[in-house]
Structure formats: C-alpha cells, structure tokens
Amino acid sequence: MRAEELQKIAHDIRLTTFKKLAQAGNGHWGGSFSQVEIITTLYYSEMKIDPQNPQLEDRDRFILSKGHASPSLYTLLAKKGFFPIEWLDELEISGGKLPKHADRFKAPGVDVSTGSLGQGLSVGVGTAFGSRVRDLNSRTYVLIGDGECNEGMVWEAAMTAAKYKLDNLVAIVDDNGVQCDGSGCDIMPIDPLDEKWKAFNWNVIKIDGHNIQQILDAFKEARETKGKPTVIIANTVKGKGISFMEGKYQWHNGAITPEQINIGMSELEGASKSCC
C-alpha cells in the first residue's frame, strides 16, 4: 500500500478515535494521536496478521507497551475487522467492552495486556525469542513511549535482546517529548536517546514519526538488518492533529468541553479532506 493511501487511513483513524473519546467525554488523547501513523503502517502494510484468525500461530506480534494509548489501537483493530465497529461506542466507558488500557482478554487482536509502563519490551524479548525457538517466521514489534524509557526495565530488556541477537524484534519509541506531568527533558532527560540504544548494540533508525514513507523505509531496513534488534526512534507530536492539544502535557489524559470538541472535529475533518 502506498504512503498516500496509508495517510488517508491514518487521518480516518485519528478522526474516529477523537469522535469516540469525545462521545465518552474524556480519555488519553495525546499519546493515542502521536502514534497513529506508526500503528497504521504496521497493521495495513507491515505485519502478517489475519483478523479472521487472530491467534494465527506464525503471525507477527504487536505490543503496545504504552497501554494507555489504546484508544487509537482499538479504533484500528475495529476498522481492520478484529471486532465490530460498534464496540467503539463503549470506549472509555466503565465496564464497557474496551478497557482504558489494552486488554487481550477483552479485545481480539490485542496480543498483550499492558498498562504498567516499562514491561512491554521485556515481553517482546520473550515473544521474539520464543518465535525463534519454535522456528516461526514471525516478527515482534513493541511500541514504547519516550517517557517510558525512564524505566530501568526497558534497558534490561534492551541488553537481553542484544545478547541474543534478536533481529526479529523491533522497538519503536514514540518520541513526543511529553509525559503526563510535563516535558520529558524536565522530568528525566534521556537524550541522546539514539546514542544510548547504539551503546546497547541495537541498530538505530531515526525518523519523523508522522511521515509514512519514512516509517515504511525504516521497517524495510529493520527487516534487512541481521544479527541485532532494531529500534526506530520516531519523532512525534503529542496530541497530533488538534491545535490546542499538540505538545501539551495537560492532554495526556483529561476531560473535554463541547467547544473544544467542535474545534477538534473541524481541524481533523479539514485535514482528512485536504489529505494526499
């Protein structure tokens, strides 16, 4: 699928996610919107998956380590046909079909339940190693937040992946520079992030996380890299697509007003119409 087609899908996923979160009145907006182009490219172009057979043994696996960003993942899974689109009406609703954090027991297509930050890459290492042991032709993709890289467990997993030369493992860092309480550089600086991953013996690729052609090229390079895992550091914008949310830590999670809903809808609909 061409980059232009994938961008149209990404706009639709961002718009639908906004509608459903607005319907609920609250949610994790910022991180859900910064990752949209990444997960769209994964599910519509990169990964080997089958919505009619979610437990296909040799499927590629995706782990959303920053599990609070599940709204846009749920939207994508519904549009791919993993579960009925009507389930999205229960997004962010207490007791609904789609919990606030990714839950594999509730949502078909979710490979790993996540929420506690820092754990996803460790699970990904185990998944990738298990695929190798069972001689499966499958790859594992783990999306982590830049703030999540403050967790020591991330770096323990990075060391392990490098030791076992897991070239079927790809980590993607959603590097939007903002955490729930402020900017990452104020809370716990992690730069130079690329040099840190290189020191852990990973293949490192830096891209614009909203440029789908760059995302496609990065995944291609990752597939062709042998003998070491790959990390893609994707520079993104928290709350991408909505002017009053972009780059604002206050929109990591929160309630929204009717006036803000109107502004957001107008901006996202305009972006969809002018796309590509």
C-alpha atoms as a PDB file:
ATOM      1  CA  MET A   1       0.000   0.000   0.000  1.00  0.00           C
ATOM      2  CA  ARG A   2       1.354   3.435  -0.970  1.00  0.00           C
ATOM      3  CA  ALA A   3       2.185   6.098   1.601  1.00  0.00           C
ATOM      4  CA  GLU A   4      -0.648   8.341   0.356  1.00  0.00           C
ATOM      5  CA  GLU A   5      -3.226   5.599   0.918  1.00  0.00           C
ATOM      6  CA  LEU A   6      -1.876   4.848   4.371  1.00  0.00           C
ATOM      7  CA  GLN A   7      -2.040   8.544   5.286  1.00  0.00           C
ATOM      8  CA  LYS A   8      -5.729   8.658   4.381  1.00  0.00           C
ATOM      9  CA  ILE A   9      -6.348   5.695   6.663  1.00  0.00           C
ATOM     10  CA  ALA A  10      -4.339   7.344   9.445  1.00  0.00           C
ATOM     11  CA  HIS A  11      -6.460  10.506   9.196  1.00  0.00           C
ATOM     12  CA  ASP A  12      -9.612   8.397   9.429  1.00  0.00           C
ATOM     13  CA  ILE A  13      -8.324   6.521  12.482  1.00  0.00           C
ATOM     14  CA  ARG A  14      -7.371   9.773  14.231  1.00  0.00           C
ATOM     15  CA  LEU A  15     -10.769  11.342  13.441  1.00  0.00           C
ATOM     16  CA  THR A  16     -12.760   8.280  14.540  1.00  0.00           C
ATOM     17  CA  THR A  17     -10.749   7.990  17.748  1.00  0.00           C
ATOM     18  CA  PHE A  18     -11.410  11.632  18.528  1.00  0.00           C
ATOM     19  CA  LYS A  19     -15.155  11.181  17.909  1.00  0.00           C
ATOM     20  CA  LYS A  20     -15.371   8.200  20.234  1.00  0.00           C
ATOM     21  CA  LEU A  21     -13.313   9.808  23.004  1.00  0.00           C
ATOM     22  CA  ALA A  22     -15.395  12.982  22.653  1.00  0.00           C
ATOM     23  CA  GLN A  23     -18.501  10.833  22.976  1.00  0.00           C
ATOM     24  CA  ALA A  24     -17.112   9.463  26.247  1.00  0.00           C
ATOM     25  CA  GLY A  25     -16.078  12.971  27.335  1.00  0.00           C
ATOM     26  CA  ASN A  26     -12.541  12.057  28.341  1.00  0.00           C
ATOM     27  CA  GLY A  27      -9.593   9.804  27.612  1.00  0.00           C
ATOM     28  CA  HIS A  28      -5.930   9.502  26.766  1.00  0.00           C
ATOM     29  CA  TRP A  29      -5.764  11.858  23.803  1.00  0.00           C
ATOM     30  CA  GLY A  30      -2.121  12.856  23.452  1.00  0.00           C
ATOM     31  CA  GLY A  31      -0.362   9.516  23.142  1.00  0.00           C
ATOM     32  CA  SER A  32      -3.208   7.998  21.156  1.00  0.00           C
ATOM     33  CA  PHE A  33      -2.806  10.626  18.442  1.00  0.00           C
ATOM     34  CA  SER A  34       1.006  10.730  18.327  1.00  0.00           C
ATOM     35  CA  GLN A  35       1.226   7.039  17.397  1.00  0.00           C
ATOM     36  CA  VAL A  36      -1.427   6.897  14.655  1.00  0.00           C
ATOM     37  CA  GLU A  37       0.833   6.884  11.583  1.00  0.00           C
ATOM     38  CA  ILE A  38       3.079   4.260  13.185  1.00  0.00           C
ATOM     39  CA  ILE A  39       0.363   1.741  14.019  1.00  0.00           C
ATOM     40  CA  THR A  40      -1.449   2.387  10.735  1.00  0.00           C
ATOM     41  CA  THR A  41       1.672   1.491   8.766  1.00  0.00           C
ATOM     42  CA  LEU A  42       2.249  -1.584  10.921  1.00  0.00           C
ATOM     43  CA  TYR A  43      -1.222  -3.051  10.562  1.00  0.00           C
ATOM     44  CA  TYR A  44      -2.018  -2.029   6.988  1.00  0.00           C
ATOM     45  CA  SER A  45       1.369  -2.597   5.375  1.00  0.00           C
ATOM     46  CA  GLU A  46       3.990  -4.262   7.546  1.00  0.00           C
ATOM     47  CA  MET A  47       2.664  -7.026   9.761  1.00  0.00           C
ATOM     48  CA  LYS A  48       1.494 -10.510   8.853  1.00  0.00           C
ATOM     49  CA  ILE A  49      -1.901 -10.770  10.557  1.00  0.00           C
ATOM     50  CA  ASP A  50      -5.366 -12.216   9.912  1.00  0.00           C
ATOM     51  CA  PRO A  51      -8.390 -10.527  11.550  1.00  0.00           C
ATOM     52  CA  GLN A  52     -10.397 -13.714  10.914  1.00  0.00           C
ATOM     53  CA  ASN A  53      -7.778 -15.773  12.745  1.00  0.00           C
ATOM     54  CA  PRO A  54      -6.308 -13.505  15.467  1.00  0.00           C
ATOM     55  CA  GLN A  55      -4.398 -16.412  17.058  1.00  0.00           C
ATOM     56  CA  LEU A  56      -2.617 -17.481  13.868  1.00  0.00           C
ATOM     57  CA  GLU A  57       0.500 -19.206  15.198  1.00  0.00           C
ATOM     58  CA  ASP A  58       3.090 -17.630  12.921  1.00  0.00           C
ATOM     59  CA  ARG A  59       1.524 -14.156  12.901  1.00  0.00           C
ATOM     60  CA  ASP A  60       3.564 -11.072  13.637  1.00  0.00           C
ATOM     61  CA  ARG A  61       3.000  -9.709  17.152  1.00  0.00           C
ATOM     62  CA  PHE A  62       2.431  -6.126  18.247  1.00  0.00           C
ATOM     63  CA  ILE A  63       2.818  -4.995  21.856  1.00  0.00           C
ATOM     64  CA  LEU A  64       1.556  -1.543  22.824  1.00  0.00           C
ATOM     65  CA  SER A  65       3.781  -1.097  25.859  1.00  0.00           C
ATOM     66  CA  LYS A  66       2.327   2.385  26.475  1.00  0.00           C
ATOM     67  CA  GLY A  67      -1.022   0.742  27.057  1.00  0.00           C
ATOM     68  CA  HIS A  68      -2.826   3.965  27.963  1.00  0.00           C
ATOM     69  CA  ALA A  69      -2.721   4.866  24.244  1.00  0.00           C
ATOM     70  CA  SER A  70      -5.111   2.017  23.443  1.00  0.00           C
ATOM     71  CA  PRO A  71      -7.969   4.209  22.032  1.00  0.00           C
ATOM     72  CA  SER A  72      -6.364   4.618  18.600  1.00  0.00           C
ATOM     73  CA  LEU A  73      -5.275   0.955  18.620  1.00  0.00           C
ATOM     74  CA  TYR A  74      -8.844  -0.138  19.376  1.00  0.00           C
ATOM     75  CA  THR A  75     -10.103   2.045  16.530  1.00  0.00           C
ATOM     76  CA  LEU A  76      -7.600   0.497  14.143  1.00  0.00           C
ATOM     77  CA  LEU A  77      -8.438  -3.059  15.204  1.00  0.00           C
ATOM     78  CA  ALA A  78     -12.147  -2.414  14.712  1.00  0.00           C
ATOM     79  CA  LYS A  79     -11.579  -0.970  11.243  1.00  0.00           C
ATOM     80  CA  LYS A  80      -9.389  -3.956  10.348  1.00  0.00           C
ATOM     81  CA  GLY A  81     -12.258  -6.276  11.307  1.00  0.00           C
ATOM     82  CA  PHE A  82     -10.962  -7.834  14.520  1.00  0.00           C
ATOM     83  CA  PHE A  83     -14.209  -6.910  16.289  1.00  0.00           C
ATOM     84  CA  PRO A  84     -17.426  -4.973  15.465  1.00  0.00           C
ATOM     85  CA  ILE A  85     -17.045  -1.234  14.930  1.00  0.00           C
ATOM     86  CA  GLU A  86     -19.978  -0.740  17.332  1.00  0.00           C
ATOM     87  CA  TRP A  87     -17.730  -1.747  20.221  1.00  0.00           C
ATOM     88  CA  LEU A  88     -16.044   1.644  19.907  1.00  0.00           C
ATOM     89  CA  ASP A  89     -19.181   3.217  21.398  1.00  0.00           C
ATOM     90  CA  GLU A  90     -18.051   1.720  24.704  1.00  0.00           C
ATOM     91  CA  LEU A  91     -14.557   3.219  24.507  1.00  0.00           C
ATOM     92  CA  GLU A  92     -13.521   4.670  27.882  1.00  0.00           C
ATOM     93  CA  ILE A  93     -16.865   3.610  29.402  1.00  0.00           C
ATOM     94  CA  SER A  94     -16.536   1.942  32.807  1.00  0.00           C
ATOM     95  CA  GLY A  95     -17.450  -1.729  32.480  1.00  0.00           C
ATOM     96  CA  GLY A  96     -17.503  -1.492  28.676  1.00  0.00           C
ATOM     97  CA  LYS A  97     -16.072  -3.878  26.128  1.00  0.00           C
ATOM     98  CA  LEU A  98     -12.885  -1.855  25.617  1.00  0.00           C
ATOM     99  CA  PRO A  99     -10.975  -1.041  28.842  1.00  0.00           C
ATOM    100  CA  LYS A 100      -8.831   2.074  29.191  1.00  0.00           C
ATOM    101  CA  HIS A 101      -5.662   0.003  28.786  1.00  0.00           C
ATOM    102  CA  ALA A 102      -5.075  -2.648  26.123  1.00  0.00           C
ATOM    103  CA  ASP A 103      -6.603  -5.943  27.286  1.00  0.00           C
ATOM    104  CA  ARG A 104      -6.121  -9.169  25.315  1.00  0.00           C
ATOM    105  CA  PHE A 105      -8.969 -10.845  27.197  1.00  0.00           C
ATOM    106  CA  LYS A 106     -11.453  -8.214  26.012  1.00  0.00           C
ATOM    107  CA  ALA A 107     -10.295  -7.080  22.570  1.00  0.00           C
ATOM    108  CA  PRO A 108      -9.482  -9.590  19.795  1.00  0.00           C
ATOM    109  CA  GLY A 109      -6.257  -8.582  18.076  1.00  0.00           C
ATOM    110  CA  VAL A 110      -4.537  -7.374  21.249  1.00  0.00           C
ATOM    111  CA  ASP A 111      -1.581  -9.698  21.828  1.00  0.00           C
ATOM    112  CA  VAL A 112      -0.536  -8.488  25.288  1.00  0.00           C
ATOM    113  CA  SER A 113      -2.421  -6.728  28.086  1.00  0.00           C
ATOM    114  CA  THR A 114      -0.483  -3.602  29.066  1.00  0.00           C
ATOM    115  CA  GLY A 115      -0.721  -0.649  31.410  1.00  0.00           C
ATOM    116  CA  SER A 116       2.179  -0.715  33.853  1.00  0.00           C
ATOM    117  CA  LEU A 117       4.891   1.123  31.946  1.00  0.00           C
ATOM    118  CA  GLY A 118       8.255  -0.447  31.246  1.00  0.00           C
ATOM    119  CA  GLN A 119       7.128  -4.051  30.832  1.00  0.00           C
ATOM    120  CA  GLY A 120       6.304  -4.259  27.128  1.00  0.00           C
ATOM    121  CA  LEU A 121       9.835  -4.598  25.772  1.00  0.00           C
ATOM    122  CA  SER A 122      10.600  -7.443  28.195  1.00  0.00           C
ATOM    123  CA  VAL A 123       7.503  -9.277  26.971  1.00  0.00           C
ATOM    124  CA  GLY A 124       8.585  -8.528  23.409  1.00  0.00           C
ATOM    125  CA  VAL A 125      12.020 -10.045  24.034  1.00  0.00           C
ATOM    126  CA  GLY A 126      10.375 -13.227  25.313  1.00  0.00           C
ATOM    127  CA  THR A 127       7.989 -13.304  22.365  1.00  0.00           C
ATOM    128  CA  ALA A 128      10.742 -12.825  19.795  1.00  0.00           C
ATOM    129  CA  PHE A 129      12.961 -15.423  21.494  1.00  0.00           C
ATOM    130  CA  GLY A 130      10.046 -17.867  21.651  1.00  0.00           C
ATOM    131  CA  SER A 131       9.359 -17.409  17.947  1.00  0.00           C
ATOM    132  CA  ARG A 132      12.979 -18.259  17.213  1.00  0.00           C
ATOM    133  CA  VAL A 133      12.924 -21.374  19.403  1.00  0.00           C
ATOM    134  CA  ARG A 134       9.758 -22.608  17.691  1.00  0.00           C
ATOM    135  CA  ASP A 135      11.220 -21.746  14.284  1.00  0.00           C
ATOM    136  CA  LEU A 136       8.303 -19.450  13.445  1.00  0.00           C
ATOM    137  CA  ASN A 137       8.602 -16.964  10.620  1.00  0.00           C
ATOM    138  CA  SER A 138       7.234 -14.125  12.709  1.00  0.00           C
ATOM    139  CA  ARG A 139       8.388 -10.745  13.942  1.00  0.00           C
ATOM    140  CA  THR A 140       7.616  -8.818  17.130  1.00  0.00           C
ATOM    141  CA  TYR A 141       7.020  -5.066  17.247  1.00  0.00           C
ATOM    142  CA  VAL A 142       6.924  -3.133  20.531  1.00  0.00           C
ATOM    143  CA  LEU A 143       5.796   0.498  20.747  1.00  0.00           C
ATOM    144  CA  ILE A 144       7.138   2.293  23.816  1.00  0.00           C
ATOM    145  CA  GLY A 145       6.939   5.886  24.986  1.00  0.00           C
ATOM    146  CA  ASP A 146       9.951   8.144  25.391  1.00  0.00           C
ATOM    147  CA  GLY A 147       8.920   8.786  28.988  1.00  0.00           C
ATOM    148  CA  GLU A 148       8.694   5.039  29.442  1.00  0.00           C
ATOM    149  CA  CYS A 149      12.425   4.879  28.686  1.00  0.00           C
ATOM    150  CA  ASN A 150      12.906   6.293  32.212  1.00  0.00           C
ATOM    151  CA  GLU A 151      12.117   2.764  33.420  1.00  0.00           C
ATOM    152  CA  GLY A 152      15.162   0.589  34.161  1.00  0.00           C
ATOM    153  CA  MET A 153      13.343  -2.499  32.960  1.00  0.00           C
ATOM    154  CA  VAL A 154      13.439  -1.136  29.411  1.00  0.00           C
ATOM    155  CA  TRP A 155      17.229  -1.187  29.434  1.00  0.00           C
ATOM    156  CA  GLU A 156      17.450  -4.645  30.993  1.00  0.00           C
ATOM    157  CA  ALA A 157      15.310  -5.876  28.113  1.00  0.00           C
ATOM    158  CA  ALA A 158      17.468  -3.966  25.623  1.00  0.00           C
ATOM    159  CA  MET A 159      20.600  -5.717  26.927  1.00  0.00           C
ATOM    160  CA  THR A 160      18.930  -9.111  26.696  1.00  0.00           C
ATOM    161  CA  ALA A 161      17.693  -8.560  23.147  1.00  0.00           C
ATOM    162  CA  ALA A 162      21.182  -7.567  22.027  1.00  0.00           C
ATOM    163  CA  LYS A 163      22.802 -10.542  23.787  1.00  0.00           C
ATOM    164  CA  TYR A 164      20.574 -12.992  21.920  1.00  0.00           C
ATOM    165  CA  LYS A 165      20.825 -11.084  18.624  1.00  0.00           C
ATOM    166  CA  LEU A 166      17.049 -10.874  18.234  1.00  0.00           C
ATOM    167  CA  ASP A 167      16.838  -9.484  14.719  1.00  0.00           C
ATOM    168  CA  ASN A 168      13.137 -10.437  14.627  1.00  0.00           C
ATOM    169  CA  LEU A 169      12.440  -7.767  17.276  1.00  0.00           C
ATOM    170  CA  VAL A 170      11.708  -4.103  16.517  1.00  0.00           C
ATOM    171  CA  ALA A 171      11.155  -1.464  19.186  1.00  0.00           C
ATOM    172  CA  ILE A 172       9.554   1.824  18.174  1.00  0.00           C
ATOM    173  CA  VAL A 173       9.963   4.790  20.521  1.00  0.00           C
ATOM    174  CA  ASP A 174       7.085   7.275  20.272  1.00  0.00           C
ATOM    175  CA  ASP A 175       9.368  10.216  20.999  1.00  0.00           C
ATOM    176  CA  ASN A 176       6.849  13.013  21.545  1.00  0.00           C
ATOM    177  CA  GLY A 177       8.820  14.709  24.310  1.00  0.00           C
ATOM    178  CA  VAL A 178       5.905  14.968  26.749  1.00  0.00           C
ATOM    179  CA  GLN A 179       4.836  12.914  29.763  1.00  0.00           C
ATOM    180  CA  CYS A 180       1.676  13.089  31.867  1.00  0.00           C
ATOM    181  CA  ASP A 181       3.163  15.728  34.208  1.00  0.00           C
ATOM    182  CA  GLY A 182       5.330  17.814  31.898  1.00  0.00           C
ATOM    183  CA  SER A 183       8.113  17.700  29.349  1.00  0.00           C
ATOM    184  CA  GLY A 184      10.406  14.714  29.382  1.00  0.00           C
ATOM    185  CA  CYS A 185      13.546  16.857  29.437  1.00  0.00           C
ATOM    186  CA  ASP A 186      12.371  18.458  32.710  1.00  0.00           C
ATOM    187  CA  ILE A 187      11.190  15.286  34.424  1.00  0.00           C
ATOM    188  CA  MET A 188      14.014  12.922  33.475  1.00  0.00           C
ATOM    189  CA  PRO A 189      16.217  13.756  30.469  1.00  0.00           C
ATOM    190  CA  ILE A 190      17.024  10.765  28.240  1.00  0.00           C
ATOM    191  CA  ASP A 191      18.890  12.398  25.353  1.00  0.00           C
ATOM    192  CA  PRO A 192      20.920  11.478  23.438  1.00  0.00           C
ATOM    193  CA  LEU A 193      18.443   8.602  23.045  1.00  0.00           C
ATOM    194  CA  ASP A 194      19.950   7.284  19.817  1.00  0.00           C
ATOM    195  CA  GLU A 195      23.422   7.012  21.334  1.00  0.00           C
ATOM    196  CA  LYS A 196      22.038   5.128  24.327  1.00  0.00           C
ATOM    197  CA  TRP A 197      20.443   2.470  22.110  1.00  0.00           C
ATOM    198  CA  LYS A 198      23.593   2.241  19.992  1.00  0.00           C
ATOM    199  CA  ALA A 199      25.607   1.641  23.166  1.00  0.00           C
ATOM    200  CA  PHE A 200      23.275  -1.277  23.900  1.00  0.00           C
ATOM    201  CA  ASN A 201      24.214  -2.707  20.471  1.00  0.00           C
ATOM    202  CA  TRP A 202      20.921  -2.072  18.672  1.00  0.00           C
ATOM    203  CA  ASN A 203      20.511  -0.980  15.075  1.00  0.00           C
ATOM    204  CA  VAL A 204      19.166   2.573  15.427  1.00  0.00           C
ATOM    205  CA  ILE A 205      16.975   4.422  12.921  1.00  0.00           C
ATOM    206  CA  LYS A 206      15.712   7.983  13.492  1.00  0.00           C
ATOM    207  CA  ILE A 207      12.646   9.199  11.589  1.00  0.00           C
ATOM    208  CA  ASP A 208       9.750  11.651  11.505  1.00  0.00           C
ATOM    209  CA  GLY A 209       7.041   9.541  13.120  1.00  0.00           C
ATOM    210  CA  HIS A 210       4.291  11.234  11.105  1.00  0.00           C
ATOM    211  CA  ASN A 211       5.979  10.714   7.713  1.00  0.00           C
ATOM    212  CA  ILE A 212       4.653   7.399   6.480  1.00  0.00           C
ATOM    213  CA  GLN A 213       7.251   6.971   3.742  1.00  0.00           C
ATOM    214  CA  GLN A 214       9.976   7.270   6.368  1.00  0.00           C
ATOM    215  CA  ILE A 215       8.135   4.741   8.532  1.00  0.00           C
ATOM    216  CA  LEU A 216       7.898   2.304   5.606  1.00  0.00           C
ATOM    217  CA  ASP A 217      11.597   2.709   4.839  1.00  0.00           C
ATOM    218  CA  ALA A 218      12.511   2.164   8.488  1.00  0.00           C
ATOM    219  CA  PHE A 219      10.564  -1.093   8.697  1.00  0.00           C
ATOM    220  CA  LYS A 220      12.235  -2.259   5.482  1.00  0.00           C
ATOM    221  CA  GLU A 221      15.674  -1.542   6.945  1.00  0.00           C
ATOM    222  CA  ALA A 222      14.705  -3.382  10.130  1.00  0.00           C
ATOM    223  CA  ARG A 223      13.694  -6.470   8.135  1.00  0.00           C
ATOM    224  CA  GLU A 224      17.014  -6.423   6.308  1.00  0.00           C
ATOM    225  CA  THR A 225      19.122  -5.994   9.462  1.00  0.00           C
ATOM    226  CA  LYS A 226      20.601  -9.273  10.666  1.00  0.00           C
ATOM    227  CA  GLY A 227      22.292 -10.196  13.927  1.00  0.00           C
ATOM    228  CA  LYS A 228      20.873  -7.433  16.141  1.00  0.00           C
ATOM    229  CA  PRO A 229      17.499  -5.927  17.127  1.00  0.00           C
ATOM    230  CA  THR A 230      16.348  -2.627  15.666  1.00  0.00           C
ATOM    231  CA  VAL A 231      14.952   0.424  17.411  1.00  0.00           C
ATOM    232  CA  ILE A 232      13.130   3.113  15.456  1.00  0.00           C
ATOM    233  CA  ILE A 233      13.163   6.457  17.255  1.00  0.00           C
ATOM    234  CA  ALA A 234      10.131   8.252  15.853  1.00  0.00           C
ATOM    235  CA  ASN A 235       9.949  11.993  16.470  1.00  0.00           C
ATOM    236  CA  THR A 236       6.250  12.722  17.003  1.00  0.00           C
ATOM    237  CA  VAL A 237       3.873  15.364  18.346  1.00  0.00           C
ATOM    238  CA  LYS A 238       1.732  14.611  21.368  1.00  0.00           C
ATOM    239  CA  GLY A 239      -1.912  15.279  20.503  1.00  0.00           C
ATOM    240  CA  LYS A 240      -1.058  15.408  16.771  1.00  0.00           C
ATOM    241  CA  GLY A 241      -3.746  16.968  14.594  1.00  0.00           C
ATOM    242  CA  ILE A 242      -5.507  19.156  17.154  1.00  0.00           C
ATOM    243  CA  SER A 243      -4.022  22.609  17.682  1.00  0.00           C
ATOM    244  CA  PHE A 244      -4.905  23.076  21.343  1.00  0.00           C
ATOM    245  CA  MET A 245      -3.631  19.576  22.244  1.00  0.00           C
ATOM    246  CA  GLU A 246      -0.352  19.461  20.353  1.00  0.00           C
ATOM    247  CA  GLY A 247       2.671  19.301  22.635  1.00  0.00           C
ATOM    248  CA  LYS A 248       0.595  19.908  25.784  1.00  0.00           C
ATOM    249  CA  TYR A 249       1.100  17.556  28.725  1.00  0.00           C
ATOM    250  CA  GLN A 250      -2.341  18.581  30.020  1.00  0.00           C
ATOM    251  CA  TRP A 251      -3.824  16.498  27.197  1.00  0.00           C
ATOM    252  CA  HIS A 252      -2.081  13.294  28.195  1.00  0.00           C
ATOM    253  CA  ASN A 253      -5.454  12.434  29.717  1.00  0.00           C
ATOM    254  CA  GLY A 254      -8.451  14.551  30.589  1.00  0.00           C
ATOM    255  CA  ALA A 255     -11.983  15.793  30.014  1.00  0.00           C
ATOM    256  CA  ILE A 256     -13.062  17.877  27.024  1.00  0.00           C
ATOM    257  CA  THR A 257     -15.637  20.645  26.573  1.00  0.00           C
ATOM    258  CA  PRO A 258     -18.251  20.937  23.805  1.00  0.00           C
ATOM    259  CA  GLU A 259     -16.404  23.968  22.390  1.00  0.00           C
ATOM    260  CA  GLN A 260     -13.145  22.014  22.228  1.00  0.00           C
ATOM    261  CA  ILE A 261     -14.924  19.108  20.544  1.00  0.00           C
ATOM    262  CA  ASN A 262     -16.146  21.442  17.811  1.00  0.00           C
ATOM    263  CA  ILE A 263     -12.644  22.823  17.253  1.00  0.00           C
ATOM    264  CA  GLY A 264     -11.099  19.353  17.157  1.00  0.00           C
ATOM    265  CA  MET A 265     -13.706  17.992  14.751  1.00  0.00           C
ATOM    266  CA  SER A 266     -13.268  20.935  12.416  1.00  0.00           C
ATOM    267  CA  GLU A 267      -9.481  20.591  12.320  1.00  0.00           C
ATOM    268  CA  LEU A 268      -9.439  16.836  11.861  1.00  0.00           C
ATOM    269  CA  GLU A 269     -12.151  16.846   9.194  1.00  0.00           C
ATOM    270  CA  GLY A 270     -10.267  19.588   7.365  1.00  0.00           C
ATOM    271  CA  ALA A 271      -7.058  17.547   7.465  1.00  0.00           C
ATOM    272  CA  SER A 272      -8.870  14.478   6.125  1.00  0.00           C
ATOM    273  CA  LYS A 273     -10.384  16.386   3.209  1.00  0.00           C
ATOM    274  CA  SER A 274      -7.103  18.017   2.209  1.00  0.00           C
ATOM    275  CA  CYS A 275      -5.058  14.850   2.632  1.00  0.00           C
ATOM    276  CA  CYS A 276      -2.954  13.485  -0.214  1.00  0.00           C
END
